[in-house]
Amino acid sequence: MDSYNVLVSGANSDLAKVFIEKVLKNPKVKNIHLITHSGYKVSDERINVHLLDFSTNFDLEKFQSLFSNQAFTHYIQFHGIAYTDDNLQNLSGKIFKETLEINLVSVLAILKAILPSMELQTYGRIVLMSTASASHGGGKNSFSYGLAKHGILYMVKYLSKYYTNKNILTNSISPGFIRSKFHTQMLNKTESEMEERAKSIKLGRIGTPEDVVKVMYNLAFENDFVTGENIKIDGGDFI
């Protein structure tokens, strides 16, 4: 492809911000569409911001009308949510429904909208976000989150099986323990808890957004042959 039209969801995450900065340095990127649920400071004329909240009765058809004609070359998923009281025995219907809608159903809606144009142009690069614990039973208090992220892994296999022949390569990454707002704000971990958790990582440190972004960028912009794979980025945590 001579030029790239990139779609990024969850643009306000600290991982996404590092990724977007890197993408904007790629001379082939002509447009980058960012989906976020809150304001985003635009620093480049190529950036288009779309305010969407996947947690409030998201309308699949609305997304279809917004993005089905955009002819995206790349889709990178960063958005997601987790709750600290997501325990199987104490699970509420609200938490279960919202966790699956945001982490899995919304991704399905995005893919449903963008795949037809990727097929027509016979080019697409898709990188989805799972989690390193998804294949290991997850955490005791993250049941719905782990279930949704395991669904992402299935989605990667499905897309690779049926769309690779159209030069649409789909992969996922599974971050482990990363120093990000996901752990410090969404899961409310203190610095002492972060450092204690880091002791179980074989590399001996907490991962950084840059550790994750390097792999995602490679899969999205430097990859022409890998598809259907999930790459753990966990410093040897889940071996």
Protein backbone atom coordinates (compact mmCIF):
# COMPACT_ATOMS: atom_id res chain seq x y z
CA MET A 1 0.00 0.00 0.00
CA ASP A 2 1.24 3.47 -0.89
CA SER A 3 -0.57 5.14 2.00
CA TYR A 4 -2.12 4.09 5.29
CA ASN A 5 -5.46 4.96 6.86
CA VAL A 6 -5.20 3.81 10.47
CA LEU A 7 -7.89 3.18 13.08
CA VAL A 8 -6.98 3.08 16.78
CA SER A 9 -9.52 2.41 19.54
CA GLY A 10 -8.88 3.36 23.16
CA ALA A 11 -6.70 6.30 22.11
CA ASN A 12 -6.43 7.80 25.60
CA SER A 13 -4.71 4.79 27.13
CA ASP A 14 -1.06 5.39 27.97
CA LEU A 15 -0.05 2.51 25.70
CA ALA A 16 -2.02 3.99 22.81
CA LYS A 17 -0.46 7.41 23.22
CA VAL A 18 3.04 5.96 22.86
CA PHE A 19 1.87 3.96 19.84
CA ILE A 20 0.24 6.97 18.15
CA GLU A 21 3.40 9.05 18.54
CA LYS A 22 5.35 6.30 16.79
CA VAL A 23 2.75 5.87 14.02
CA LEU A 24 2.75 9.58 13.20
CA LYS A 25 6.45 9.31 12.32
CA ASN A 26 5.61 6.83 9.55
CA PRO A 27 5.54 8.81 6.26
CA LYS A 28 2.98 6.45 4.73
CA VAL A 29 0.36 7.32 7.35
CA LYS A 30 -2.01 9.83 5.73
CA ASN A 31 -4.87 9.62 8.23
CA ILE A 32 -5.27 8.23 11.73
CA HIS A 33 -8.73 7.88 13.25
CA LEU A 34 -8.85 7.71 17.04
CA ILE A 35 -11.76 6.32 19.03
CA THR A 36 -11.97 7.51 22.62
CA HIS A 37 -14.66 8.05 25.25
CA SER A 38 -13.19 11.38 26.41
CA GLY A 39 -11.45 14.40 24.94
CA TYR A 40 -8.19 14.05 23.01
CA LYS A 41 -5.73 16.86 22.30
CA VAL A 42 -5.06 16.88 18.56
CA SER A 43 -1.44 17.58 17.67
CA ASP A 44 -1.40 16.68 13.97
CA GLU A 45 -3.72 17.50 11.07
CA ARG A 46 -3.87 13.83 10.10
CA ILE A 47 -5.65 12.97 13.37
CA ASN A 48 -9.43 12.50 13.39
CA VAL A 49 -11.06 12.02 16.80
CA HIS A 50 -14.33 10.12 17.34
CA LEU A 51 -15.99 10.22 20.76
CA LEU A 52 -17.71 6.89 21.38
CA ASP A 53 -18.63 5.17 24.63
CA PHE A 54 -18.82 1.40 24.26
CA SER A 55 -20.46 1.01 27.68
CA THR A 56 -23.71 2.88 27.01
CA ASN A 57 -25.88 0.67 24.80
CA PHE A 58 -23.50 0.93 21.89
CA ASP A 59 -25.29 0.75 18.55
CA LEU A 60 -23.59 -1.61 16.08
CA GLU A 61 -25.41 -0.06 13.14
CA LYS A 62 -24.25 3.42 14.17
CA PHE A 63 -20.67 2.28 14.01
CA GLN A 64 -21.32 0.67 10.64
CA SER A 65 -22.59 3.98 9.24
CA LEU A 66 -19.66 5.93 10.69
CA PHE A 67 -16.78 3.78 9.49
CA SER A 68 -17.82 1.29 6.82
CA ASN A 69 -16.71 3.61 3.98
CA GLN A 70 -13.36 4.66 5.43
CA ALA A 71 -11.21 1.96 3.78
CA PHE A 72 -8.91 1.47 6.75
CA THR A 73 -5.62 -0.30 6.14
CA HIS A 74 -4.91 -0.89 9.85
CA TYR A 75 -6.90 -1.45 13.01
CA ILE A 76 -5.20 -1.52 16.41
CA GLN A 77 -7.23 -2.15 19.55
CA PHE A 78 -6.27 -0.66 22.90
CA HIS A 79 -9.64 -0.09 24.58
CA GLY A 80 -10.87 -2.28 27.41
CA ILE A 81 -12.13 -2.34 30.97
CA ALA A 82 -11.74 -4.49 34.07
CA TYR A 83 -13.34 -4.52 37.51
CA THR A 84 -11.73 -5.49 40.80
CA ASP A 85 -14.82 -7.39 42.03
CA ASP A 86 -15.21 -9.61 38.96
CA ASN A 87 -15.40 -12.88 40.93
CA LEU A 88 -17.40 -15.79 39.50
CA GLN A 89 -19.38 -16.43 42.69
CA ASN A 90 -20.12 -12.76 43.38
CA LEU A 91 -20.51 -11.72 39.76
CA SER A 92 -23.29 -9.24 38.95
CA GLY A 93 -25.11 -9.19 35.63
CA LYS A 94 -24.13 -5.56 35.09
CA ILE A 95 -20.40 -6.20 35.45
CA PHE A 96 -20.54 -9.33 33.29
CA LYS A 97 -22.52 -7.62 30.51
CA GLU A 98 -20.48 -4.42 30.48
CA THR A 99 -17.13 -6.23 30.58
CA LEU A 100 -18.02 -8.42 27.61
CA GLU A 101 -19.59 -5.56 25.65
CA ILE A 102 -16.57 -3.29 26.00
CA ASN A 103 -13.80 -5.88 25.67
CA LEU A 104 -15.32 -8.18 23.05
CA VAL A 105 -18.62 -7.11 21.46
CA SER A 106 -17.35 -3.63 20.56
CA VAL A 107 -14.32 -5.19 18.82
CA LEU A 108 -16.69 -7.37 16.83
CA ALA A 109 -18.65 -4.26 15.79
CA ILE A 110 -15.51 -2.51 14.60
CA LEU A 111 -14.33 -5.53 12.62
CA LYS A 112 -17.77 -6.00 11.07
CA ALA A 113 -17.59 -2.43 9.76
CA ILE A 114 -14.03 -2.40 8.41
CA LEU A 115 -13.49 -5.88 6.99
CA PRO A 116 -15.45 -5.40 3.73
CA SER A 117 -13.24 -2.51 2.58
CA MET A 118 -10.10 -4.40 3.62
CA GLU A 119 -11.28 -7.28 1.45
CA LEU A 120 -11.86 -4.99 -1.52
CA GLN A 121 -8.41 -3.43 -1.29
CA THR A 122 -6.84 -6.85 -0.51
CA TYR A 123 -4.88 -5.36 2.35
CA GLY A 124 -5.34 -5.16 6.09
CA ARG A 125 -3.32 -5.36 9.28
CA ILE A 126 -5.20 -5.99 12.53
CA VAL A 127 -3.66 -6.12 16.00
CA LEU A 128 -5.97 -6.94 18.91
CA MET A 129 -5.38 -6.77 22.66
CA SER A 130 -5.71 -9.84 24.87
CA THR A 131 -3.95 -10.49 28.19
CA ALA A 132 -1.17 -12.82 29.27
CA SER A 133 -3.34 -14.55 31.87
CA ALA A 134 -6.16 -15.43 29.44
CA SER A 135 -4.67 -18.84 28.59
CA HIS A 136 -3.86 -19.63 32.22
CA GLY A 137 -7.27 -19.34 33.86
CA GLY A 138 -7.07 -15.61 34.51
CA GLY A 139 -7.24 -14.01 37.94
CA LYS A 140 -9.76 -15.04 40.56
CA ASN A 141 -11.28 -11.55 40.57
CA SER A 142 -11.20 -10.96 36.82
CA PHE A 143 -13.49 -13.70 35.52
CA SER A 144 -15.46 -11.72 32.92
CA TYR A 145 -12.34 -9.88 31.77
CA GLY A 146 -10.44 -13.13 31.21
CA LEU A 147 -13.40 -14.65 29.38
CA ALA A 148 -13.65 -11.66 27.05
CA LYS A 149 -9.92 -11.63 26.38
CA HIS A 150 -9.98 -15.35 25.63
CA GLY A 151 -12.65 -14.50 23.06
CA ILE A 152 -10.16 -12.14 21.42
CA LEU A 153 -7.78 -15.06 20.94
CA TYR A 154 -10.53 -17.03 19.19
CA MET A 155 -11.32 -14.01 17.02
CA VAL A 156 -7.69 -13.82 15.88
CA LYS A 157 -7.76 -17.47 14.78
CA TYR A 158 -11.09 -17.00 12.99
CA LEU A 159 -9.97 -13.91 11.09
CA SER A 160 -6.66 -15.47 10.13
CA LYS A 161 -8.36 -18.63 8.89
CA TYR A 162 -10.86 -16.86 6.65
CA TYR A 163 -9.21 -13.54 5.68
CA THR A 164 -5.49 -14.20 5.26
CA ASN A 165 -6.12 -15.12 1.61
CA LYS A 166 -7.19 -11.47 1.17
CA ASN A 167 -3.84 -10.26 2.56
CA ILE A 168 -5.50 -9.32 5.85
CA LEU A 169 -3.13 -10.36 8.62
CA THR A 170 -4.54 -10.57 12.15
CA ASN A 171 -2.56 -11.05 15.32
CA SER A 172 -2.91 -10.23 18.99
CA ILE A 173 -0.64 -9.27 21.82
CA SER A 174 -1.04 -10.33 25.44
CA PRO A 175 0.62 -7.93 27.86
CA GLY A 176 1.56 -9.14 31.30
CA PHE A 177 2.24 -6.83 34.22
CA ILE A 178 2.77 -3.40 32.62
CA ARG A 179 3.21 -0.06 34.36
CA SER A 180 0.06 1.57 33.02
CA LYS A 181 -3.17 3.22 34.08
CA PHE A 182 -4.85 -0.15 33.68
CA HIS A 183 -3.10 -1.43 36.79
CA THR A 184 -2.62 1.77 38.78
CA GLN A 185 -6.05 3.36 38.19
CA MET A 186 -8.50 0.78 36.86
CA LEU A 187 -7.32 -1.99 39.22
CA ASN A 188 -6.23 0.46 41.95
CA LYS A 189 -2.84 -1.10 42.66
CA THR A 190 -0.55 0.85 44.97
CA GLU A 191 3.15 1.34 44.24
CA SER A 192 4.08 -1.17 46.95
CA GLU A 193 1.68 -3.71 45.42
CA MET A 194 3.20 -3.05 42.00
CA GLU A 195 6.71 -3.65 43.26
CA GLU A 196 5.68 -6.78 45.15
CA ARG A 197 4.01 -8.18 42.04
CA ALA A 198 7.14 -7.44 40.00
CA LYS A 199 9.12 -9.93 42.11
CA SER A 200 7.35 -12.83 40.38
CA ILE A 201 8.37 -11.66 36.89
CA LYS A 202 11.40 -13.62 35.70
CA LEU A 203 12.97 -10.63 34.01
CA GLY A 204 12.79 -8.86 37.36
CA ARG A 205 10.95 -5.71 36.37
CA ILE A 206 7.54 -4.29 35.48
CA GLY A 207 6.91 -3.90 31.76
CA THR A 208 6.65 -0.46 30.15
CA PRO A 209 4.28 0.89 27.47
CA GLU A 210 7.28 1.01 25.14
CA ASP A 211 7.82 -2.75 25.60
CA VAL A 212 4.29 -3.36 24.34
CA VAL A 213 4.28 -0.77 21.57
CA LYS A 214 7.45 -2.12 19.92
CA VAL A 215 5.76 -5.45 19.30
CA MET A 216 2.44 -3.94 18.22
CA TYR A 217 4.11 -1.62 15.75
CA ASN A 218 6.08 -4.49 14.24
CA LEU A 219 2.94 -6.59 13.77
CA ALA A 220 1.02 -3.67 12.28
CA PHE A 221 3.59 -1.95 10.05
CA GLU A 222 6.59 -4.21 9.52
CA ASN A 223 4.91 -7.58 9.17
CA ASP A 224 3.98 -9.24 5.88
CA PHE A 225 3.89 -12.91 6.81
CA VAL A 226 2.85 -13.51 10.44
CA THR A 227 -0.85 -14.10 11.04
CA GLY A 228 -3.02 -15.94 13.56
CA GLU A 229 -0.49 -15.49 16.37
CA ASN A 230 -0.68 -14.19 19.90
CA ILE A 231 2.50 -12.67 21.32
CA LYS A 232 2.91 -12.60 25.10
CA ILE A 233 4.73 -9.54 26.39
CA ASP A 234 5.28 -10.44 30.02
CA GLY A 235 9.01 -10.67 30.80
CA GLY A 236 8.72 -14.41 31.33
CA ASP A 237 5.91 -14.07 33.87
CA PHE A 238 3.66 -16.83 32.45
CA ILE A 239 6.14 -19.55 31.51
